[in-house]
Amino acid sequence: MTLDEIRAFVSGARWIFAKTMAKTPHWYTLRDQNPGATFVAFALFIREHGYRARFGKSWYMKFDIDGWTYWTMGEAMDKDSKPWTILINRSRADPFHTALGGGIYLSDNGLQSHGELVAPPLDRFEAPD
């Protein structure tokens, strides 16, 4: 999937505000409202090319483009011959995250860039003499 195909998908999808989590504003689009293979292709792209980020106690694969962060819930795409991943979420990209290059974020393992360690957590730094 190309970035142009991703942009076409996200601009054409219907995004629904997640009212049940209004304190963590985000939107979602449903698989059954996006016919064809593009929904699945984008969900797989997020998982294969995104970065690992934590929300609460859970870890997700996320992908940022054009000021938005996209992620799925991490379920299998299909299970027992039925669609299992049924939605893709999106929220405004974190300005701190974006300012650091759009793919750098703070995790329990330290400062990371698309899953690669950039700097260890602060408690692993040695105090200067």
C-alpha atoms as a PDB file:
ATOM      1  CA  MET A   1       0.000   0.000   0.000  1.00  0.00           C
ATOM      2  CA  THR A   2       1.391   3.418  -0.951  1.00  0.00           C
ATOM      3  CA  LEU A   3       1.088   6.633   1.047  1.00  0.00           C
ATOM      4  CA  ASP A   4      -1.188   8.023  -1.686  1.00  0.00           C
ATOM      5  CA  GLU A   5      -3.470   4.980  -1.306  1.00  0.00           C
ATOM      6  CA  ILE A   6      -3.517   5.505   2.460  1.00  0.00           C
ATOM      7  CA  ARG A   7      -4.402   9.173   2.009  1.00  0.00           C
ATOM      8  CA  ALA A   8      -7.206   8.251  -0.404  1.00  0.00           C
ATOM      9  CA  PHE A   9      -8.580   5.680   2.048  1.00  0.00           C
ATOM     10  CA  VAL A  10      -8.531   7.937   5.126  1.00  0.00           C
ATOM     11  CA  SER A  11      -9.992  10.904   3.241  1.00  0.00           C
ATOM     12  CA  GLY A  12     -12.818   8.768   1.845  1.00  0.00           C
ATOM     13  CA  ALA A  13     -13.643   6.843   5.030  1.00  0.00           C
ATOM     14  CA  ARG A  14     -16.460   7.819   7.377  1.00  0.00           C
ATOM     15  CA  TRP A  15     -14.903   8.610  10.782  1.00  0.00           C
ATOM     16  CA  ILE A  16     -17.184   8.338  13.830  1.00  0.00           C
ATOM     17  CA  PHE A  17     -16.364  10.104  17.098  1.00  0.00           C
ATOM     18  CA  ALA A  18     -15.883   7.578  19.939  1.00  0.00           C
ATOM     19  CA  LYS A  19     -18.445   9.039  22.375  1.00  0.00           C
ATOM     20  CA  THR A  20     -17.728   6.439  25.050  1.00  0.00           C
ATOM     21  CA  MET A  21     -14.163   7.734  25.381  1.00  0.00           C
ATOM     22  CA  ALA A  22     -14.741  11.477  25.029  1.00  0.00           C
ATOM     23  CA  LYS A  23     -11.913  12.237  27.498  1.00  0.00           C
ATOM     24  CA  THR A  24      -9.541  10.518  25.074  1.00  0.00           C
ATOM     25  CA  PRO A  25     -10.827  12.030  21.832  1.00  0.00           C
ATOM     26  CA  HIS A  26     -10.528   9.756  18.840  1.00  0.00           C
ATOM     27  CA  TRP A  27     -12.548   8.514  15.893  1.00  0.00           C
ATOM     28  CA  TYR A  28     -13.009   5.136  14.244  1.00  0.00           C
ATOM     29  CA  THR A  29     -14.076   3.746  10.908  1.00  0.00           C
ATOM     30  CA  LEU A  30     -15.756   0.370  10.501  1.00  0.00           C
ATOM     31  CA  ARG A  31     -14.674  -2.424   8.214  1.00  0.00           C
ATOM     32  CA  ASP A  32     -18.201  -3.088   6.973  1.00  0.00           C
ATOM     33  CA  GLN A  33     -18.538   0.563   5.905  1.00  0.00           C
ATOM     34  CA  ASN A  34     -15.353   0.356   3.819  1.00  0.00           C
ATOM     35  CA  PRO A  35     -15.948  -2.328   1.179  1.00  0.00           C
ATOM     36  CA  GLY A  36     -13.083  -3.836  -0.731  1.00  0.00           C
ATOM     37  CA  ALA A  37      -9.588  -4.785   0.305  1.00  0.00           C
ATOM     38  CA  THR A  38      -8.341  -1.309   1.253  1.00  0.00           C
ATOM     39  CA  PHE A  39      -9.474  -1.460   4.907  1.00  0.00           C
ATOM     40  CA  VAL A  40      -7.603  -4.734   5.449  1.00  0.00           C
ATOM     41  CA  ALA A  41      -4.587  -3.465   3.493  1.00  0.00           C
ATOM     42  CA  PHE A  42      -4.355  -0.336   5.683  1.00  0.00           C
ATOM     43  CA  ALA A  43      -4.816  -2.313   8.924  1.00  0.00           C
ATOM     44  CA  LEU A  44      -2.003  -4.652   7.868  1.00  0.00           C
ATOM     45  CA  PHE A  45       0.158  -1.695   6.802  1.00  0.00           C
ATOM     46  CA  ILE A  46      -0.219  -0.133  10.269  1.00  0.00           C
ATOM     47  CA  ARG A  47       0.866  -3.394  11.883  1.00  0.00           C
ATOM     48  CA  GLU A  48       3.798  -3.992   9.542  1.00  0.00           C
ATOM     49  CA  HIS A  49       5.152  -0.439   9.212  1.00  0.00           C
ATOM     50  CA  GLY A  50       3.952   1.337  12.338  1.00  0.00           C
ATOM     51  CA  TYR A  51       5.611   1.862  15.681  1.00  0.00           C
ATOM     52  CA  ARG A  52       4.799   0.306  19.040  1.00  0.00           C
ATOM     53  CA  ALA A  53       3.171   2.651  21.560  1.00  0.00           C
ATOM     54  CA  ARG A  54       1.541   2.214  24.924  1.00  0.00           C
ATOM     55  CA  PHE A  55      -1.893   3.408  25.985  1.00  0.00           C
ATOM     56  CA  GLY A  56      -2.816   2.568  29.566  1.00  0.00           C
ATOM     57  CA  LYS A  57      -1.633  -0.979  30.194  1.00  0.00           C
ATOM     58  CA  SER A  58      -1.842  -2.063  26.552  1.00  0.00           C
ATOM     59  CA  TRP A  59       0.559  -1.788  23.628  1.00  0.00           C
ATOM     60  CA  TYR A  60      -0.566  -1.005  20.083  1.00  0.00           C
ATOM     61  CA  MET A  61       1.022  -0.642  16.684  1.00  0.00           C
ATOM     62  CA  LYS A  62       0.414   2.901  15.455  1.00  0.00           C
ATOM     63  CA  PHE A  63       1.117   4.765  12.244  1.00  0.00           C
ATOM     64  CA  ASP A  64       1.234   8.552  11.771  1.00  0.00           C
ATOM     65  CA  ILE A  65       0.490  10.438   8.590  1.00  0.00           C
ATOM     66  CA  ASP A  66      -0.592  14.027   7.903  1.00  0.00           C
ATOM     67  CA  GLY A  67      -1.072  14.947  11.567  1.00  0.00           C
ATOM     68  CA  TRP A  68      -3.130  11.862  12.473  1.00  0.00           C
ATOM     69  CA  THR A  69      -2.248   8.674  14.355  1.00  0.00           C
ATOM     70  CA  TYR A  70      -3.948   5.424  13.273  1.00  0.00           C
ATOM     71  CA  TRP A  71      -4.163   2.082  15.090  1.00  0.00           C
ATOM     72  CA  THR A  72      -6.186  -1.102  15.377  1.00  0.00           C
ATOM     73  CA  MET A  73      -6.921  -3.057  18.532  1.00  0.00           C
ATOM     74  CA  GLY A  74      -4.419  -5.772  17.588  1.00  0.00           C
ATOM     75  CA  GLU A  75      -6.866  -8.623  17.001  1.00  0.00           C
ATOM     76  CA  ALA A  76      -6.410 -11.098  14.151  1.00  0.00           C
ATOM     77  CA  MET A  77      -7.734  -9.791  10.835  1.00  0.00           C
ATOM     78  CA  ASP A  78     -10.078 -12.765  10.542  1.00  0.00           C
ATOM     79  CA  LYS A  79     -11.045 -15.606  12.879  1.00  0.00           C
ATOM     80  CA  ASP A  80     -13.130 -18.663  12.068  1.00  0.00           C
ATOM     81  CA  SER A  81     -13.677 -17.288   8.532  1.00  0.00           C
ATOM     82  CA  LYS A  82     -15.253 -14.110   9.949  1.00  0.00           C
ATOM     83  CA  PRO A  83     -13.916 -10.543  10.071  1.00  0.00           C
ATOM     84  CA  TRP A  84     -12.316 -10.032  13.492  1.00  0.00           C
ATOM     85  CA  THR A  85     -10.561  -6.683  13.146  1.00  0.00           C
ATOM     86  CA  ILE A  86     -13.611  -4.533  12.554  1.00  0.00           C
ATOM     87  CA  LEU A  87     -12.324  -0.998  13.101  1.00  0.00           C
ATOM     88  CA  ILE A  88      -9.416   1.362  12.635  1.00  0.00           C
ATOM     89  CA  ASN A  89      -9.006   4.206  15.140  1.00  0.00           C
ATOM     90  CA  ARG A  90      -7.495   7.609  14.635  1.00  0.00           C
ATOM     91  CA  SER A  91      -6.629  10.599  16.786  1.00  0.00           C
ATOM     92  CA  ARG A  92      -4.743  13.804  16.286  1.00  0.00           C
ATOM     93  CA  ALA A  93      -1.031  13.060  16.422  1.00  0.00           C
ATOM     94  CA  ASP A  94       0.658  14.112  19.648  1.00  0.00           C
ATOM     95  CA  PRO A  95       2.450  17.440  18.973  1.00  0.00           C
ATOM     96  CA  PHE A  96       5.439  16.320  21.106  1.00  0.00           C
ATOM     97  CA  HIS A  97       5.608  13.089  19.153  1.00  0.00           C
ATOM     98  CA  THR A  98       5.346  14.952  15.844  1.00  0.00           C
ATOM     99  CA  ALA A  99       7.945  17.562  16.869  1.00  0.00           C
ATOM    100  CA  LEU A 100      10.423  14.765  17.493  1.00  0.00           C
ATOM    101  CA  GLY A 101      10.060  13.479  13.965  1.00  0.00           C
ATOM    102  CA  GLY A 102       6.659  11.810  13.906  1.00  0.00           C
ATOM    103  CA  GLY A 103       7.989   8.436  14.863  1.00  0.00           C
ATOM    104  CA  ILE A 104       9.741   9.037  18.150  1.00  0.00           C
ATOM    105  CA  TYR A 105       7.944   8.458  21.414  1.00  0.00           C
ATOM    106  CA  LEU A 106       8.638   7.713  25.038  1.00  0.00           C
ATOM    107  CA  SER A 107       8.021   4.140  26.160  1.00  0.00           C
ATOM    108  CA  ASP A 108       8.926   2.037  29.187  1.00  0.00           C
ATOM    109  CA  ASN A 109      12.114   1.091  27.339  1.00  0.00           C
ATOM    110  CA  GLY A 110      13.182   4.681  26.745  1.00  0.00           C
ATOM    111  CA  LEU A 111      12.974   7.055  23.813  1.00  0.00           C
ATOM    112  CA  GLN A 112      12.072   5.060  20.710  1.00  0.00           C
ATOM    113  CA  SER A 113      11.800   5.650  16.998  1.00  0.00           C
ATOM    114  CA  HIS A 114       9.503   3.277  15.123  1.00  0.00           C
ATOM    115  CA  GLY A 115      10.326   0.480  17.556  1.00  0.00           C
ATOM    116  CA  GLU A 116      14.071   1.097  17.741  1.00  0.00           C
ATOM    117  CA  LEU A 117      15.667   2.337  20.965  1.00  0.00           C
ATOM    118  CA  VAL A 118      16.988   5.896  20.624  1.00  0.00           C
ATOM    119  CA  ALA A 119      17.808   6.540  24.293  1.00  0.00           C
ATOM    120  CA  PRO A 120      17.322   4.460  27.449  1.00  0.00           C
ATOM    121  CA  PRO A 121      14.769   5.414  30.127  1.00  0.00           C
ATOM    122  CA  LEU A 122      15.791   8.232  32.440  1.00  0.00           C
ATOM    123  CA  ASP A 123      16.354   5.865  35.373  1.00  0.00           C
ATOM    124  CA  ARG A 124      19.088   4.130  33.342  1.00  0.00           C
ATOM    125  CA  PHE A 125      21.140   7.282  32.856  1.00  0.00           C
ATOM    126  CA  GLU A 126      24.105   7.680  35.162  1.00  0.00           C
ATOM    127  CA  ALA A 127      24.358  10.897  37.153  1.00  0.00           C
ATOM    128  CA  PRO A 128      27.279  13.102  36.144  1.00  0.00           C
ATOM    129  CA  ASP A 129      30.230  13.333  38.545  1.00  0.00           C
END
